[in-house]
Amino acid sequence: MPARSLAAFEAVLPEVDRAIVDLTARGYDGIAAIAAAAAAGRSVLAVGQHDDRETRQRALAAGANRVLAYRRMFEDGPRQIGGWLAGPVPSESAT
């Protein structure tokens, strides 16, 4: 379910068990969306720039289970996302 604002994202959270958040979205704050999803008990896969270590760390600290670079999404996206959606939710460390 696509959401183009934080309010729309929060509105669909009760209907999903996992969320994919674009960390560079212009219509909402990706870190705030991750925090909202994590607070609602949802698993979160965040996608962002490969060279933005600070944002990656902030996403993990906010509750993202995984953070993938756009490059990885394009190279191996279907397998990465499909596996994440179908299986247990592995988490990365924020450190």
C-alpha atoms as a PDB file:
ATOM      1  CA  MET A   1       0.000   0.000   0.000  1.00  0.00           C
ATOM      2  CA  PRO A   2       1.790   3.146  -1.098  1.00  0.00           C
ATOM      3  CA  ALA A   3       1.739   6.165   1.196  1.00  0.00           C
ATOM      4  CA  ARG A   4       3.004   9.592   0.182  1.00  0.00           C
ATOM      5  CA  SER A   5       2.774  11.322   3.562  1.00  0.00           C
ATOM      6  CA  LEU A   6       3.449  10.379   7.173  1.00  0.00           C
ATOM      7  CA  ALA A   7      -0.276  10.629   7.956  1.00  0.00           C
ATOM      8  CA  ALA A   8      -1.129   8.249   5.114  1.00  0.00           C
ATOM      9  CA  PHE A   9       1.651   5.901   6.215  1.00  0.00           C
ATOM     10  CA  GLU A  10       0.377   5.853   9.786  1.00  0.00           C
ATOM     11  CA  ALA A  11      -3.177   5.262   8.527  1.00  0.00           C
ATOM     12  CA  VAL A  12      -2.197   2.028   6.738  1.00  0.00           C
ATOM     13  CA  LEU A  13      -0.034   0.626   9.546  1.00  0.00           C
ATOM     14  CA  PRO A  14      -2.938  -1.291  11.157  1.00  0.00           C
ATOM     15  CA  GLU A  15      -3.449  -3.132   7.852  1.00  0.00           C
ATOM     16  CA  VAL A  16       0.140  -4.369   7.375  1.00  0.00           C
ATOM     17  CA  ASP A  17       2.672  -6.377   9.336  1.00  0.00           C
ATOM     18  CA  ARG A  18       5.759  -5.054   7.491  1.00  0.00           C
ATOM     19  CA  ALA A  19       6.672  -1.749   5.902  1.00  0.00           C
ATOM     20  CA  ILE A  20       9.213  -0.564   3.349  1.00  0.00           C
ATOM     21  CA  VAL A  21      10.337   3.016   3.932  1.00  0.00           C
ATOM     22  CA  ASP A  22      12.191   5.220   1.443  1.00  0.00           C
ATOM     23  CA  LEU A  23      14.683   7.216   3.486  1.00  0.00           C
ATOM     24  CA  THR A  24      14.914   9.907   0.806  1.00  0.00           C
ATOM     25  CA  ALA A  25      11.183  10.400   0.258  1.00  0.00           C
ATOM     26  CA  ARG A  26      10.193  14.024  -0.168  1.00  0.00           C
ATOM     27  CA  GLY A  27       6.641  13.652   1.131  1.00  0.00           C
ATOM     28  CA  TYR A  28       7.525  12.375   4.600  1.00  0.00           C
ATOM     29  CA  ASP A  29      10.386  12.012   7.073  1.00  0.00           C
ATOM     30  CA  GLY A  30      11.678   8.458   6.630  1.00  0.00           C
ATOM     31  CA  ILE A  31      13.089   8.255  10.163  1.00  0.00           C
ATOM     32  CA  ALA A  32       9.737   9.373  11.617  1.00  0.00           C
ATOM     33  CA  ALA A  33       7.957   6.757   9.481  1.00  0.00           C
ATOM     34  CA  ILE A  34      10.300   4.049  10.757  1.00  0.00           C
ATOM     35  CA  ALA A  35       9.726   5.131  14.348  1.00  0.00           C
ATOM     36  CA  ALA A  36       5.940   5.085  13.826  1.00  0.00           C
ATOM     37  CA  ALA A  37       6.043   1.611  12.287  1.00  0.00           C
ATOM     38  CA  ALA A  38       8.326   0.262  15.002  1.00  0.00           C
ATOM     39  CA  ALA A  39       6.101   1.772  17.711  1.00  0.00           C
ATOM     40  CA  ALA A  40       3.149  -0.013  16.094  1.00  0.00           C
ATOM     41  CA  GLY A  41       5.075  -3.284  16.241  1.00  0.00           C
ATOM     42  CA  ARG A  42       5.693  -3.486  12.498  1.00  0.00           C
ATOM     43  CA  SER A  43       8.873  -4.757  10.886  1.00  0.00           C
ATOM     44  CA  VAL A  44      10.622  -2.189   8.696  1.00  0.00           C
ATOM     45  CA  LEU A  45      12.874  -2.467   5.662  1.00  0.00           C
ATOM     46  CA  ALA A  46      14.423   0.926   4.898  1.00  0.00           C
ATOM     47  CA  VAL A  47      15.945   1.870   1.553  1.00  0.00           C
ATOM     48  CA  GLY A  48      18.391   4.727   1.080  1.00  0.00           C
ATOM     49  CA  GLN A  49      21.640   6.003  -0.349  1.00  0.00           C
ATOM     50  CA  HIS A  50      24.555   3.588  -0.154  1.00  0.00           C
ATOM     51  CA  ASP A  51      26.986   6.206   1.059  1.00  0.00           C
ATOM     52  CA  ASP A  52      24.832   7.765   3.773  1.00  0.00           C
ATOM     53  CA  ARG A  53      26.138   5.965   6.859  1.00  0.00           C
ATOM     54  CA  GLU A  54      24.628   8.497   9.276  1.00  0.00           C
ATOM     55  CA  THR A  55      21.096   8.062   7.913  1.00  0.00           C
ATOM     56  CA  ARG A  56      21.545   4.281   7.902  1.00  0.00           C
ATOM     57  CA  GLN A  57      22.502   4.353  11.588  1.00  0.00           C
ATOM     58  CA  ARG A  58      19.584   6.668  12.408  1.00  0.00           C
ATOM     59  CA  ALA A  59      17.190   4.310  10.583  1.00  0.00           C
ATOM     60  CA  LEU A  60      18.422   1.305  12.553  1.00  0.00           C
ATOM     61  CA  ALA A  61      18.244   3.254  15.814  1.00  0.00           C
ATOM     62  CA  ALA A  62      14.645   4.305  14.983  1.00  0.00           C
ATOM     63  CA  GLY A  63      13.627   0.666  14.591  1.00  0.00           C
ATOM     64  CA  ALA A  64      14.397  -0.465  11.042  1.00  0.00           C
ATOM     65  CA  ASN A  65      15.136  -4.182  10.870  1.00  0.00           C
ATOM     66  CA  ARG A  66      17.190  -3.828   7.675  1.00  0.00           C
ATOM     67  CA  VAL A  67      18.573  -0.978   5.598  1.00  0.00           C
ATOM     68  CA  LEU A  68      19.360  -1.588   1.938  1.00  0.00           C
ATOM     69  CA  ALA A  69      21.080   0.706  -0.528  1.00  0.00           C
ATOM     70  CA  TYR A  70      19.206   1.587  -3.716  1.00  0.00           C
ATOM     71  CA  ARG A  71      21.977  -0.141  -5.674  1.00  0.00           C
ATOM     72  CA  ARG A  72      21.323  -3.387  -3.867  1.00  0.00           C
ATOM     73  CA  MET A  73      17.584  -3.013  -4.423  1.00  0.00           C
ATOM     74  CA  PHE A  74      18.101  -2.762  -8.171  1.00  0.00           C
ATOM     75  CA  GLU A  75      20.707  -5.532  -8.344  1.00  0.00           C
ATOM     76  CA  ASP A  76      19.087  -8.034  -6.007  1.00  0.00           C
ATOM     77  CA  GLY A  77      15.813  -6.393  -4.997  1.00  0.00           C
ATOM     78  CA  PRO A  78      13.278  -9.099  -5.825  1.00  0.00           C
ATOM     79  CA  ARG A  79      15.191 -11.735  -3.881  1.00  0.00           C
ATOM     80  CA  GLN A  80      15.995  -9.396  -0.995  1.00  0.00           C
ATOM     81  CA  ILE A  81      12.468  -8.051  -0.630  1.00  0.00           C
ATOM     82  CA  GLY A  82      10.786 -11.376  -1.366  1.00  0.00           C
ATOM     83  CA  GLY A  83      12.860 -13.126   1.265  1.00  0.00           C
ATOM     84  CA  TRP A  84      12.240 -10.370   3.784  1.00  0.00           C
ATOM     85  CA  LEU A  85       8.488 -10.430   3.175  1.00  0.00           C
ATOM     86  CA  ALA A  86       8.207 -14.224   3.274  1.00  0.00           C
ATOM     87  CA  GLY A  87      10.520 -15.218   6.082  1.00  0.00           C
ATOM     88  CA  PRO A  88      11.385 -14.351   9.641  1.00  0.00           C
ATOM     89  CA  VAL A  89      12.518 -10.785  10.104  1.00  0.00           C
ATOM     90  CA  PRO A  90      16.293 -10.584  10.532  1.00  0.00           C
ATOM     91  CA  SER A  91      17.602  -7.425  12.142  1.00  0.00           C
ATOM     92  CA  GLU A  92      20.816  -5.493  11.761  1.00  0.00           C
ATOM     93  CA  SER A  93      22.647  -3.862  14.610  1.00  0.00           C
ATOM     94  CA  ALA A  94      22.650  -0.083  14.909  1.00  0.00           C
ATOM     95  CA  THR A  95      26.310  -0.155  15.919  1.00  0.00           C
END
